[in-house]
């Protein structure tokens, strides 16, 4: 409900635009190796790319990420969380429709992480 009250934001950063788990590459150790699919690159609010904080990271890792990232306003965190919920749900539906069980499982897990308010 709080997200409905957020005012529009000015674009302040260059962002990926639809950053989610399918666009993140990791190496054999699971470390970040790259980001792909920059087709939605735009100048926007950085909270759009911070959706990974909610959908990709477990609640226990969010504080460490936030400390390394730097200050993030509460309204940015809320926008990022709403986008994480939306992207994860859409990906789960897409995966179900396309009969991609691994992606469906991953998307549902991302949705559950984004829903977890432990942070």
PDB file of N, CA and C in Angstrom:
ATOM      1  N   UNK A   1       0.820  -1.201   0.000  1.00  0.00           N
ATOM      2  CA  UNK A   1       0.000   0.000   0.000  1.00  0.00           C
ATOM      3  C   UNK A   1       0.857   1.255   0.000  1.00  0.00           C
ATOM      4  N   UNK A   2       1.986   1.205   0.692  1.00  0.00           N
ATOM      5  CA  UNK A   2       2.851   2.383   0.757  1.00  0.00           C
ATOM      6  C   UNK A   2       3.385   2.783  -0.614  1.00  0.00           C
ATOM      7  N   UNK A   3       3.538   1.838  -1.509  1.00  0.00           N
ATOM      8  CA  UNK A   3       4.071   2.143  -2.840  1.00  0.00           C
ATOM      9  C   UNK A   3       3.129   3.051  -3.626  1.00  0.00           C
ATOM     10  N   UNK A   4       1.841   2.938  -3.421  1.00  0.00           N
ATOM     11  CA  UNK A   4       0.895   3.804  -4.115  1.00  0.00           C
ATOM     12  C   UNK A   4       1.102   5.276  -3.766  1.00  0.00           C
ATOM     13  N   UNK A   5       1.636   5.538  -2.604  1.00  0.00           N
ATOM     14  CA  UNK A   5       1.812   6.917  -2.137  1.00  0.00           C
ATOM     15  C   UNK A   5       3.111   7.550  -2.633  1.00  0.00           C
ATOM     16  N   UNK A   6       3.979   6.773  -3.253  1.00  0.00           N
ATOM     17  CA  UNK A   6       5.268   7.308  -3.692  1.00  0.00           C
ATOM     18  C   UNK A   6       5.086   8.279  -4.853  1.00  0.00           C
ATOM     19  N   UNK A   7       5.771   9.403  -4.780  1.00  0.00           N
ATOM     20  CA  UNK A   7       5.692  10.353  -5.894  1.00  0.00           C
ATOM     21  C   UNK A   7       6.569   9.883  -7.055  1.00  0.00           C
ATOM     22  N   UNK A   8       6.355  10.427  -8.238  1.00  0.00           N
ATOM     23  CA  UNK A   8       7.241  10.111  -9.367  1.00  0.00           C
ATOM     24  C   UNK A   8       8.665  10.542  -9.029  1.00  0.00           C
ATOM     25  N   UNK A   9       9.626   9.878  -9.635  1.00  0.00           N
ATOM     26  CA  UNK A   9      11.025  10.221  -9.369  1.00  0.00           C
ATOM     27  C   UNK A   9      11.702  10.717 -10.641  1.00  0.00           C
ATOM     28  N   UNK A  10      12.711  11.525 -10.433  1.00  0.00           N
ATOM     29  CA  UNK A  10      13.505  12.012 -11.558  1.00  0.00           C
ATOM     30  C   UNK A  10      14.551  10.969 -11.914  1.00  0.00           C
ATOM     31  N   UNK A  11      14.839  10.818 -13.195  1.00  0.00           N
ATOM     32  CA  UNK A  11      15.905   9.883 -13.583  1.00  0.00           C
ATOM     33  C   UNK A  11      17.259  10.435 -13.157  1.00  0.00           C
ATOM     34  N   UNK A  12      18.012   9.623 -12.409  1.00  0.00           N
ATOM     35  CA  UNK A  12      19.301  10.098 -11.878  1.00  0.00           C
ATOM     36  C   UNK A  12      20.465   9.188 -12.208  1.00  0.00           C
ATOM     37  N   UNK A  13      20.205   8.089 -12.916  1.00  0.00           N
ATOM     38  CA  UNK A  13      21.286   7.128 -13.186  1.00  0.00           C
ATOM     39  C   UNK A  13      21.005   6.381 -14.488  1.00  0.00           C
ATOM     40  N   UNK A  14      22.051   5.811 -15.047  1.00  0.00           N
ATOM     41  CA  UNK A  14      21.899   4.899 -16.166  1.00  0.00           C
ATOM     42  C   UNK A  14      21.639   3.520 -15.552  1.00  0.00           C
ATOM     43  N   UNK A  15      20.543   2.890 -15.955  1.00  0.00           N
ATOM     44  CA  UNK A  15      20.157   1.613 -15.360  1.00  0.00           C
ATOM     45  C   UNK A  15      19.959   0.546 -16.435  1.00  0.00           C
ATOM     46  N   UNK A  16      20.082  -0.685 -16.021  1.00  0.00           N
ATOM     47  CA  UNK A  16      19.851  -1.836 -16.895  1.00  0.00           C
ATOM     48  C   UNK A  16      18.399  -1.847 -17.359  1.00  0.00           C
ATOM     49  N   UNK A  17      17.498  -1.641 -16.448  1.00  0.00           N
ATOM     50  CA  UNK A  17      16.088  -1.519 -16.789  1.00  0.00           C
ATOM     51  C   UNK A  17      15.215  -2.710 -16.466  1.00  0.00           C
ATOM     52  N   UNK A  18      15.739  -3.915 -16.572  1.00  0.00           N
ATOM     53  CA  UNK A  18      14.967  -5.102 -16.177  1.00  0.00           C
ATOM     54  C   UNK A  18      15.923  -6.141 -15.606  1.00  0.00           C
ATOM     55  N   UNK A  19      16.675  -5.719 -14.638  1.00  0.00           N
ATOM     56  CA  UNK A  19      17.695  -6.573 -14.038  1.00  0.00           C
ATOM     57  C   UNK A  19      17.050  -7.614 -13.125  1.00  0.00           C
ATOM     58  N   UNK A  20      17.255  -8.866 -13.487  1.00  0.00           N
ATOM     59  CA  UNK A  20      16.757  -9.982 -12.682  1.00  0.00           C
ATOM     60  C   UNK A  20      17.714 -11.155 -12.860  1.00  0.00           C
ATOM     61  N   UNK A  21      17.451 -12.235 -12.176  1.00  0.00           N
ATOM     62  CA  UNK A  21      18.365 -13.375 -12.144  1.00  0.00           C
ATOM     63  C   UNK A  21      18.751 -13.939 -13.498  1.00  0.00           C
ATOM     64  N   UNK A  22      17.884 -13.849 -14.488  1.00  0.00           N
ATOM     65  CA  UNK A  22      18.209 -14.386 -15.820  1.00  0.00           C
ATOM     66  C   UNK A  22      19.230 -13.518 -16.557  1.00  0.00           C
ATOM     67  N   UNK A  23      19.456 -12.322 -16.075  1.00  0.00           N
ATOM     68  CA  UNK A  23      20.390 -11.417 -16.739  1.00  0.00           C
ATOM     69  C   UNK A  23      21.731 -11.310 -16.014  1.00  0.00           C
ATOM     70  N   UNK A  24      21.897 -12.094 -14.985  1.00  0.00           N
ATOM     71  CA  UNK A  24      23.138 -12.091 -14.209  1.00  0.00           C
ATOM     72  C   UNK A  24      23.921 -13.368 -14.519  1.00  0.00           C
ATOM     73  N   UNK A  25      25.170 -13.198 -14.888  1.00  0.00           N
ATOM     74  CA  UNK A  25      26.048 -14.340 -15.144  1.00  0.00           C
ATOM     75  C   UNK A  25      26.961 -14.541 -13.946  1.00  0.00           C
ATOM     76  N   UNK A  26      27.166 -15.804 -13.584  1.00  0.00           N
ATOM     77  CA  UNK A  26      28.076 -16.131 -12.491  1.00  0.00           C
ATOM     78  C   UNK A  26      29.124 -17.120 -12.996  1.00  0.00           C
ATOM     79  N   UNK A  27      30.267 -17.126 -12.319  1.00  0.00           N
ATOM     80  CA  UNK A  27      31.311 -18.070 -12.709  1.00  0.00           C
ATOM     81  C   UNK A  27      31.110 -19.386 -11.969  1.00  0.00           C
ATOM     82  N   UNK A  28      32.062 -20.301 -12.123  1.00  0.00           N
ATOM     83  CA  UNK A  28      31.931 -21.632 -11.525  1.00  0.00           C
ATOM     84  C   UNK A  28      31.879 -21.608 -10.001  1.00  0.00           C
ATOM     85  N   UNK A  29      32.352 -20.528  -9.370  1.00  0.00           N
ATOM     86  CA  UNK A  29      32.283 -20.395  -7.906  1.00  0.00           C
ATOM     87  C   UNK A  29      31.005 -19.712  -7.439  1.00  0.00           C
ATOM     88  N   UNK A  30      30.221 -19.220  -8.413  1.00  0.00           N
ATOM     89  CA  UNK A  30      29.003 -18.511  -8.067  1.00  0.00           C
ATOM     90  C   UNK A  30      29.203 -17.017  -7.894  1.00  0.00           C
ATOM     91  N   UNK A  31      30.383 -16.510  -8.237  1.00  0.00           N
ATOM     92  CA  UNK A  31      30.660 -15.077  -8.140  1.00  0.00           C
ATOM     93  C   UNK A  31      30.139 -14.365  -9.386  1.00  0.00           C
ATOM     94  N   UNK A  32      29.721 -13.130  -9.221  1.00  0.00           N
ATOM     95  CA  UNK A  32      29.232 -12.341 -10.338  1.00  0.00           C
ATOM     96  C   UNK A  32      30.295 -12.246 -11.423  1.00  0.00           C
ATOM     97  N   UNK A  33      29.915 -12.576 -12.648  1.00  0.00           N
ATOM     98  CA  UNK A  33      30.849 -12.529 -13.775  1.00  0.00           C
ATOM     99  C   UNK A  33      30.402 -11.529 -14.833  1.00  0.00           C
ATOM    100  N   UNK A  34      29.129 -11.153 -14.844  1.00  0.00           N
ATOM    101  CA  UNK A  34      28.664 -10.199 -15.831  1.00  0.00           C
ATOM    102  C   UNK A  34      27.161 -10.034 -15.808  1.00  0.00           C
ATOM    103  N   UNK A  35      26.716  -9.072 -16.590  1.00  0.00           N
ATOM    104  CA  UNK A  35      25.289  -8.790 -16.741  1.00  0.00           C
ATOM    105  C   UNK A  35      25.008  -8.720 -18.234  1.00  0.00           C
ATOM    106  N   UNK A  36      23.931  -9.370 -18.663  1.00  0.00           N
ATOM    107  CA  UNK A  36      23.590  -9.407 -20.087  1.00  0.00           C
ATOM    108  C   UNK A  36      22.246  -8.719 -20.341  1.00  0.00           C
ATOM    109  N   UNK A  37      21.900  -8.606 -21.610  1.00  0.00           N
ATOM    110  CA  UNK A  37      20.618  -8.096 -22.096  1.00  0.00           C
ATOM    111  C   UNK A  37      20.370  -6.658 -21.651  1.00  0.00           C
ATOM    112  N   UNK A  38      21.097  -5.760 -22.271  1.00  0.00           N
ATOM    113  CA  UNK A  38      21.001  -4.345 -21.948  1.00  0.00           C
ATOM    114  C   UNK A  38      20.002  -3.630 -22.853  1.00  0.00           C
ATOM    115  N   UNK A  39      19.037  -4.346 -23.409  1.00  0.00           N
ATOM    116  CA  UNK A  39      18.079  -3.767 -24.340  1.00  0.00           C
ATOM    117  C   UNK A  39      17.154  -2.731 -23.727  1.00  0.00           C
ATOM    118  N   UNK A  40      16.985  -2.740 -22.408  1.00  0.00           N
ATOM    119  CA  UNK A  40      16.125  -1.763 -21.739  1.00  0.00           C
ATOM    120  C   UNK A  40      16.932  -0.679 -21.031  1.00  0.00           C
ATOM    121  N   UNK A  41      18.195  -0.528 -21.420  1.00  0.00           N
ATOM    122  CA  UNK A  41      19.056   0.502 -20.847  1.00  0.00           C
ATOM    123  C   UNK A  41      18.350   1.847 -20.915  1.00  0.00           C
ATOM    124  N   UNK A  42      18.373   2.572 -19.809  1.00  0.00           N
ATOM    125  CA  UNK A  42      17.669   3.850 -19.768  1.00  0.00           C
ATOM    126  C   UNK A  42      18.247   4.736 -18.671  1.00  0.00           C
ATOM    127  N   UNK A  43      17.900   5.979 -18.734  1.00  0.00           N
ATOM    128  CA  UNK A  43      18.198   6.899 -17.636  1.00  0.00           C
ATOM    129  C   UNK A  43      16.950   6.888 -16.763  1.00  0.00           C
ATOM    130  N   UNK A  44      17.112   6.455 -15.524  1.00  0.00           N
ATOM    131  CA  UNK A  44      15.962   6.270 -14.634  1.00  0.00           C
ATOM    132  C   UNK A  44      16.426   6.317 -13.183  1.00  0.00           C
ATOM    133  N   UNK A  45      15.527   5.986 -12.304  1.00  0.00           N
ATOM    134  CA  UNK A  45      15.846   5.900 -10.887  1.00  0.00           C
ATOM    135  C   UNK A  45      16.629   4.613 -10.631  1.00  0.00           C
ATOM    136  N   UNK A  46      17.736   4.667  -9.866  1.00  0.00           N
ATOM    137  CA  UNK A  46      18.535   3.458  -9.630  1.00  0.00           C
ATOM    138  C   UNK A  46      17.782   2.338  -8.915  1.00  0.00           C
ATOM    139  N   UNK A  47      16.658   2.640  -8.311  1.00  0.00           N
ATOM    140  CA  UNK A  47      15.917   1.590  -7.616  1.00  0.00           C
ATOM    141  C   UNK A  47      15.466   0.491  -8.570  1.00  0.00           C
ATOM    142  N   UNK A  48      15.360   0.800  -9.863  1.00  0.00           N
ATOM    143  CA  UNK A  48      14.938  -0.251 -10.792  1.00  0.00           C
ATOM    144  C   UNK A  48      15.959  -1.382 -10.858  1.00  0.00           C
ATOM    145  N   UNK A  49      17.232  -1.071 -10.736  1.00  0.00           N
ATOM    146  CA  UNK A  49      18.248  -2.128 -10.738  1.00  0.00           C
ATOM    147  C   UNK A  49      18.484  -2.708  -9.350  1.00  0.00           C
ATOM    148  N   UNK A  50      18.025  -2.027  -8.331  1.00  0.00           N
ATOM    149  CA  UNK A  50      18.177  -2.551  -6.972  1.00  0.00           C
ATOM    150  C   UNK A  50      17.151  -3.642  -6.654  1.00  0.00           C
ATOM    151  N   UNK A  51      16.318  -3.972  -7.614  1.00  0.00           N
ATOM    152  CA  UNK A  51      15.349  -5.049  -7.378  1.00  0.00           C
ATOM    153  C   UNK A  51      16.060  -6.360  -7.046  1.00  0.00           C
ATOM    154  N   UNK A  52      17.301  -6.511  -7.525  1.00  0.00           N
ATOM    155  CA  UNK A  52      18.068  -7.726  -7.204  1.00  0.00           C
ATOM    156  C   UNK A  52      18.323  -7.869  -5.704  1.00  0.00           C
ATOM    157  N   UNK A  53      18.392  -6.751  -5.016  1.00  0.00           N
ATOM    158  CA  UNK A  53      18.565  -6.801  -3.558  1.00  0.00           C
ATOM    159  C   UNK A  53      17.483  -7.665  -2.943  1.00  0.00           C
ATOM    160  N   UNK A  54      16.275  -7.569  -3.482  1.00  0.00           N
ATOM    161  CA  UNK A  54      15.134  -8.306  -2.932  1.00  0.00           C
ATOM    162  C   UNK A  54      14.961  -9.680  -3.557  1.00  0.00           C
ATOM    163  N   UNK A  55      15.112  -9.786  -4.879  1.00  0.00           N
ATOM    164  CA  UNK A  55      14.781 -11.046  -5.540  1.00  0.00           C
ATOM    165  C   UNK A  55      15.917 -12.056  -5.594  1.00  0.00           C
ATOM    166  N   UNK A  56      17.149 -11.588  -5.602  1.00  0.00           N
ATOM    167  CA  UNK A  56      18.283 -12.501  -5.751  1.00  0.00           C
ATOM    168  C   UNK A  56      18.962 -12.831  -4.429  1.00  0.00           C
ATOM    169  N   UNK A  57      19.015 -11.867  -3.535  1.00  0.00           N
ATOM    170  CA  UNK A  57      19.744 -12.074  -2.278  1.00  0.00           C
ATOM    171  C   UNK A  57      18.840 -12.579  -1.161  1.00  0.00           C
ATOM    172  N   UNK A  58      19.330 -13.523  -0.380  1.00  0.00           N
ATOM    173  CA  UNK A  58      18.563 -13.920   0.803  1.00  0.00           C
ATOM    174  C   UNK A  58      18.566 -12.773   1.816  1.00  0.00           C
ATOM    175  N   UNK A  59      17.577 -12.752   2.667  1.00  0.00           N
ATOM    176  CA  UNK A  59      17.432 -11.667   3.636  1.00  0.00           C
ATOM    177  C   UNK A  59      18.713 -11.435   4.440  1.00  0.00           C
ATOM    178  N   UNK A  60      19.417 -12.506   4.776  1.00  0.00           N
ATOM    179  CA  UNK A  60      20.629 -12.387   5.593  1.00  0.00           C
ATOM    180  C   UNK A  60      21.752 -11.632   4.885  1.00  0.00           C
ATOM    181  N   UNK A  61      21.721 -11.563   3.565  1.00  0.00           N
ATOM    182  CA  UNK A  61      22.792 -10.903   2.809  1.00  0.00           C
ATOM    183  C   UNK A  61      22.462  -9.462   2.441  1.00  0.00           C
ATOM    184  N   UNK A  62      21.262  -9.020   2.679  1.00  0.00           N
ATOM    185  CA  UNK A  62      20.842  -7.691   2.226  1.00  0.00           C
ATOM    186  C   UNK A  62      21.579  -6.560   2.912  1.00  0.00           C
ATOM    187  N   UNK A  63      21.820  -6.680   4.199  1.00  0.00           N
ATOM    188  CA  UNK A  63      22.535  -5.612   4.901  1.00  0.00           C
ATOM    189  C   UNK A  63      23.963  -5.469   4.386  1.00  0.00           C
ATOM    190  N   UNK A  64      24.629  -6.588   4.150  1.00  0.00           N
ATOM    191  CA  UNK A  64      25.994  -6.540   3.631  1.00  0.00           C
ATOM    192  C   UNK A  64      26.018  -5.881   2.251  1.00  0.00           C
ATOM    193  N   UNK A  65      25.062  -6.242   1.397  1.00  0.00           N
ATOM    194  CA  UNK A  65      24.969  -5.616   0.084  1.00  0.00           C
ATOM    195  C   UNK A  65      24.740  -4.116   0.227  1.00  0.00           C
ATOM    196  N   UNK A  66      23.791  -3.737   1.075  1.00  0.00           N
ATOM    197  CA  UNK A  66      23.466  -2.323   1.261  1.00  0.00           C
ATOM    198  C   UNK A  66      24.661  -1.548   1.796  1.00  0.00           C
ATOM    199  N   UNK A  67      25.434  -2.151   2.686  1.00  0.00           N
ATOM    200  CA  UNK A  67      26.633  -1.487   3.208  1.00  0.00           C
ATOM    201  C   UNK A  67      27.653  -1.248   2.098  1.00  0.00           C
ATOM    202  N   UNK A  68      27.821  -2.233   1.223  1.00  0.00           N
ATOM    203  CA  UNK A  68      28.786  -2.095   0.126  1.00  0.00           C
ATOM    204  C   UNK A  68      28.276  -1.127  -0.941  1.00  0.00           C
ATOM    205  N   UNK A  69      26.978  -1.117  -1.175  1.00  0.00           N
ATOM    206  CA  UNK A  69      26.385  -0.277  -2.218  1.00  0.00           C
ATOM    207  C   UNK A  69      26.412   1.193  -1.831  1.00  0.00           C
ATOM    208  N   UNK A  70      26.093   1.462  -0.582  1.00  0.00           N
ATOM    209  CA  UNK A  70      26.015   2.843  -0.119  1.00  0.00           C
ATOM    210  C   UNK A  70      24.587   3.219   0.229  1.00  0.00           C
ATOM    211  N   UNK A  71      24.409   4.469   0.603  1.00  0.00           N
ATOM    212  CA  UNK A  71      23.083   4.906   1.063  1.00  0.00           C
ATOM    213  C   UNK A  71      21.990   4.720   0.008  1.00  0.00           C
ATOM    214  N   UNK A  72      20.886   4.187   0.460  1.00  0.00           N
ATOM    215  CA  UNK A  72      19.699   4.017  -0.379  1.00  0.00           C
ATOM    216  C   UNK A  72      18.514   4.527   0.432  1.00  0.00           C
ATOM    217  N   UNK A  73      17.753   5.407  -0.165  1.00  0.00           N
ATOM    218  CA  UNK A  73      16.592   5.985   0.522  1.00  0.00           C
ATOM    219  C   UNK A  73      15.495   4.930   0.691  1.00  0.00           C
ATOM    220  N   UNK A  74      14.714   5.050   1.746  1.00  0.00           N
ATOM    221  CA  UNK A  74      13.620   4.093   1.963  1.00  0.00           C
ATOM    222  C   UNK A  74      12.652   3.994   0.776  1.00  0.00           C
ATOM    223  N   UNK A  75      12.369   5.116   0.115  1.00  0.00           N
ATOM    224  CA  UNK A  75      11.457   5.045  -1.023  1.00  0.00           C
ATOM    225  C   UNK A  75      12.087   4.274  -2.191  1.00  0.00           C
ATOM    226  N   UNK A  76      13.409   4.350  -2.333  1.00  0.00           N
ATOM    227  CA  UNK A  76      14.086   3.561  -3.370  1.00  0.00           C
ATOM    228  C   UNK A  76      14.010   2.074  -3.054  1.00  0.00           C
ATOM    229  N   UNK A  77      14.181   1.724  -1.792  1.00  0.00           N
ATOM    230  CA  UNK A  77      14.061   0.318  -1.396  1.00  0.00           C
ATOM    231  C   UNK A  77      12.655  -0.213  -1.670  1.00  0.00           C
ATOM    232  N   UNK A  78      11.662   0.604  -1.396  1.00  0.00           N
ATOM    233  CA  UNK A  78      10.286   0.185  -1.638  1.00  0.00           C
ATOM    234  C   UNK A  78      10.028   0.011  -3.132  1.00  0.00           C
ATOM    235  N   UNK A  79      10.473   0.964  -3.939  1.00  0.00           N
ATOM    236  CA  UNK A  79      10.308   0.825  -5.394  1.00  0.00           C
ATOM    237  C   UNK A  79      11.015  -0.434  -5.903  1.00  0.00           C
ATOM    238  N   UNK A  80      12.216  -0.671  -5.414  1.00  0.00           N
ATOM    239  CA  UNK A  80      12.973  -1.850  -5.827  1.00  0.00           C
ATOM    240  C   UNK A  80      12.251  -3.132  -5.439  1.00  0.00           C
ATOM    241  N   UNK A  81      11.655  -3.153  -4.281  1.00  0.00           N
ATOM    242  CA  UNK A  81      10.948  -4.349  -3.830  1.00  0.00           C
ATOM    243  C   UNK A  81       9.699  -4.610  -4.667  1.00  0.00           C
ATOM    244  N   UNK A  82       8.964  -3.561  -4.959  1.00  0.00           N
ATOM    245  CA  UNK A  82       7.771  -3.724  -5.798  1.00  0.00           C
ATOM    246  C   UNK A  82       8.172  -4.268  -7.165  1.00  0.00           C
ATOM    247  N   UNK A  83       9.235  -3.733  -7.742  1.00  0.00           N
ATOM    248  CA  UNK A  83       9.688  -4.221  -9.040  1.00  0.00           C
ATOM    249  C   UNK A  83      10.168  -5.672  -8.951  1.00  0.00           C
ATOM    250  N   UNK A  84      10.847  -6.023  -7.869  1.00  0.00           N
ATOM    251  CA  UNK A  84      11.293  -7.413  -7.690  1.00  0.00           C
ATOM    252  C   UNK A  84      10.105  -8.357  -7.628  1.00  0.00           C
ATOM    253  N   UNK A  85       9.063  -7.986  -6.922  1.00  0.00           N
ATOM    254  CA  UNK A  85       7.861  -8.811  -6.849  1.00  0.00           C
ATOM    255  C   UNK A  85       7.222  -8.949  -8.232  1.00  0.00           C
ATOM    256  N   UNK A  86       7.127  -7.838  -8.951  1.00  0.00           N
ATOM    257  CA  UNK A  86       6.524  -7.854 -10.276  1.00  0.00           C
ATOM    258  C   UNK A  86       7.330  -8.721 -11.246  1.00  0.00           C
ATOM    259  N   UNK A  87       8.639  -8.462 -11.354  1.00  0.00           N
ATOM    260  CA  UNK A  87       9.467  -9.222 -12.297  1.00  0.00           C
ATOM    261  C   UNK A  87       9.468 -10.710 -11.978  1.00  0.00           C
ATOM    262  N   UNK A  88       9.562 -11.053 -10.709  1.00  0.00           N
ATOM    263  CA  UNK A  88       9.582 -12.465 -10.317  1.00  0.00           C
ATOM    264  C   UNK A  88       8.263 -13.147 -10.656  1.00  0.00           C
ATOM    265  N   UNK A  89       7.156 -12.468 -10.410  1.00  0.00           N
ATOM    266  CA  UNK A  89       5.847 -13.049 -10.719  1.00  0.00           C
ATOM    267  C   UNK A  89       5.662 -13.230 -12.224  1.00  0.00           C
ATOM    268  N   UNK A  90       6.056 -12.220 -12.998  1.00  0.00           N
ATOM    269  CA  UNK A  90       5.923 -12.318 -14.457  1.00  0.00           C
ATOM    270  C   UNK A  90       6.801 -13.448 -15.000  1.00  0.00           C
ATOM    271  N   UNK A  91       8.027 -13.550 -14.493  1.00  0.00           N
ATOM    272  CA  UNK A  91       8.912 -14.625 -14.948  1.00  0.00           C
ATOM    273  C   UNK A  91       8.365 -16.000 -14.573  1.00  0.00           C
ATOM    274  N   UNK A  92       7.768 -16.120 -13.402  1.00  0.00           N
ATOM    275  CA  UNK A  92       7.176 -17.405 -12.993  1.00  0.00           C
ATOM    276  C   UNK A  92       6.024 -17.782 -13.915  1.00  0.00           C
ATOM    277  N   UNK A  93       5.181 -16.824 -14.248  1.00  0.00           N
ATOM    278  CA  UNK A  93       4.069 -17.097 -15.161  1.00  0.00           C
ATOM    279  C   UNK A  93       4.573 -17.451 -16.558  1.00  0.00           C
ATOM    280  N   UNK A  94       5.548 -16.700 -17.035  1.00  0.00           N
ATOM    281  CA  UNK A  94       6.140 -16.984 -18.340  1.00  0.00           C
ATOM    282  C   UNK A  94       6.721 -18.396 -18.368  1.00  0.00           C
ATOM    283  N   UNK A  95       7.491 -18.736 -17.344  1.00  0.00           N
ATOM    284  CA  UNK A  95       8.131 -20.053 -17.282  1.00  0.00           C
ATOM    285  C   UNK A  95       7.091 -21.161 -17.231  1.00  0.00           C
ATOM    286  N   UNK A  96       6.030 -20.945 -16.478  1.00  0.00           N
ATOM    287  CA  UNK A  96       4.966 -21.949 -16.405  1.00  0.00           C
ATOM    288  C   UNK A  96       4.326 -22.134 -17.782  1.00  0.00           C
ATOM    289  N   UNK A  97       4.014 -21.033 -18.429  1.00  0.00           N
ATOM    290  CA  UNK A  97       3.373 -21.083 -19.750  1.00  0.00           C
ATOM    291  C   UNK A  97       4.274 -21.741 -20.789  1.00  0.00           C
ATOM    292  N   UNK A  98       5.567 -21.483 -20.720  1.00  0.00           N
ATOM    293  CA  UNK A  98       6.525 -22.016 -21.688  1.00  0.00           C
ATOM    294  C   UNK A  98       7.074 -23.389 -21.292  1.00  0.00           C
ATOM    295  N   UNK A  99       6.581 -23.923 -20.183  1.00  0.00           N
ATOM    296  CA  UNK A  99       7.017 -25.236 -19.685  1.00  0.00           C
ATOM    297  C   UNK A  99       8.530 -25.264 -19.436  1.00  0.00           C
ATOM    298  N   UNK A 100       8.962 -24.307 -18.632  1.00  0.00           N
ATOM    299  CA  UNK A 100      10.382 -24.196 -18.247  1.00  0.00           C
ATOM    300  C   UNK A 100      10.456 -24.360 -16.727  1.00  0.00           C
ATOM    301  N   UNK A 101      10.418 -25.608 -16.235  1.00  0.00           N
ATOM    302  CA  UNK A 101      10.295 -25.832 -14.791  1.00  0.00           C
ATOM    303  C   UNK A 101      11.440 -25.247 -13.966  1.00  0.00           C
ATOM    304  N   UNK A 102      12.657 -25.272 -14.456  1.00  0.00           N
ATOM    305  CA  UNK A 102      13.769 -24.714 -13.674  1.00  0.00           C
ATOM    306  C   UNK A 102      13.596 -23.209 -13.495  1.00  0.00           C
ATOM    307  N   UNK A 103      13.237 -22.519 -14.557  1.00  0.00           N
ATOM    308  CA  UNK A 103      13.007 -21.074 -14.454  1.00  0.00           C
ATOM    309  C   UNK A 103      11.804 -20.786 -13.574  1.00  0.00           C
ATOM    310  N   UNK A 104      10.780 -21.602 -13.675  1.00  0.00           N
ATOM    311  CA  UNK A 104       9.610 -21.405 -12.821  1.00  0.00           C
ATOM    312  C   UNK A 104       9.986 -21.543 -11.348  1.00  0.00           C
ATOM    313  N   UNK A 105      10.763 -22.584 -11.014  1.00  0.00           N
ATOM    314  CA  UNK A 105      11.209 -22.763  -9.623  1.00  0.00           C
ATOM    315  C   UNK A 105      12.057 -21.577  -9.166  1.00  0.00           C
ATOM    316  N   UNK A 106      13.007 -21.154 -10.011  1.00  0.00           N
ATOM    317  CA  UNK A 106      13.868 -20.026  -9.656  1.00  0.00           C
ATOM    318  C   UNK A 106      13.059 -18.741  -9.470  1.00  0.00           C
ATOM    319  N   UNK A 107      12.081 -18.536 -10.314  1.00  0.00           N
ATOM    320  CA  UNK A 107      11.263 -17.325 -10.235  1.00  0.00           C
ATOM    321  C   UNK A 107      10.381 -17.324  -8.993  1.00  0.00           C
ATOM    322  N   UNK A 108       9.842 -18.476  -8.653  1.00  0.00           N
ATOM    323  CA  UNK A 108       9.036 -18.570  -7.433  1.00  0.00           C
ATOM    324  C   UNK A 108       9.919 -18.360  -6.205  1.00  0.00           C
ATOM    325  N   UNK A 109      11.136 -18.904  -6.235  1.00  0.00           N
ATOM    326  CA  UNK A 109      12.070 -18.677  -5.125  1.00  0.00           C
ATOM    327  C   UNK A 109      12.418 -17.184  -5.023  1.00  0.00           C
ATOM    328  N   UNK A 110      12.603 -16.511  -6.158  1.00  0.00           N
ATOM    329  CA  UNK A 110      12.888 -15.072  -6.154  1.00  0.00           C
ATOM    330  C   UNK A 110      11.694 -14.303  -5.593  1.00  0.00           C
ATOM    331  N   UNK A 111      10.509 -14.721  -5.954  1.00  0.00           N
ATOM    332  CA  UNK A 111       9.300 -14.094  -5.430  1.00  0.00           C
ATOM    333  C   UNK A 111       9.222 -14.259  -3.915  1.00  0.00           C
ATOM    334  N   UNK A 112       9.542 -15.444  -3.430  1.00  0.00           N
ATOM    335  CA  UNK A 112       9.536 -15.684  -1.981  1.00  0.00           C
ATOM    336  C   UNK A 112      10.597 -14.834  -1.282  1.00  0.00           C
ATOM    337  N   UNK A 113      11.793 -14.704  -1.886  1.00  0.00           N
ATOM    338  CA  UNK A 113      12.830 -13.857  -1.289  1.00  0.00           C
ATOM    339  C   UNK A 113      12.367 -12.400  -1.242  1.00  0.00           C
ATOM    340  N   UNK A 114      11.761 -11.933  -2.323  1.00  0.00           N
ATOM    341  CA  UNK A 114      11.304 -10.546  -2.367  1.00  0.00           C
ATOM    342  C   UNK A 114      10.177 -10.295  -1.364  1.00  0.00           C
ATOM    343  N   UNK A 115       9.378 -11.309  -1.104  1.00  0.00           N
ATOM    344  CA  UNK A 115       8.289 -11.183  -0.152  1.00  0.00           C
ATOM    345  C   UNK A 115       8.795 -11.189   1.285  1.00  0.00           C
ATOM    346  N   UNK A 116       9.947 -11.799   1.523  1.00  0.00           N
ATOM    347  CA  UNK A 116      10.515 -11.920   2.874  1.00  0.00           C
ATOM    348  C   UNK A 116      10.920 -10.548   3.393  1.00  0.00           C
ATOM    349  N   UNK A 117      10.284 -10.121   4.445  1.00  0.00           N
ATOM    350  CA  UNK A 117      10.551  -8.805   5.014  1.00  0.00           C
ATOM    351  C   UNK A 117      11.523  -8.854   6.187  1.00  0.00           C
ATOM    352  N   UNK A 118      12.335  -9.879   6.263  1.00  0.00           N
ATOM    353  CA  UNK A 118      13.252 -10.038   7.387  1.00  0.00           C
ATOM    354  C   UNK A 118      14.251  -8.894   7.523  1.00  0.00           C
ATOM    355  N   UNK A 119      14.579  -8.242   6.426  1.00  0.00           N
ATOM    356  CA  UNK A 119      15.577  -7.168   6.475  1.00  0.00           C
ATOM    357  C   UNK A 119      15.040  -6.015   7.219  1.00  0.00           C
TER     358      UNK A 119
END
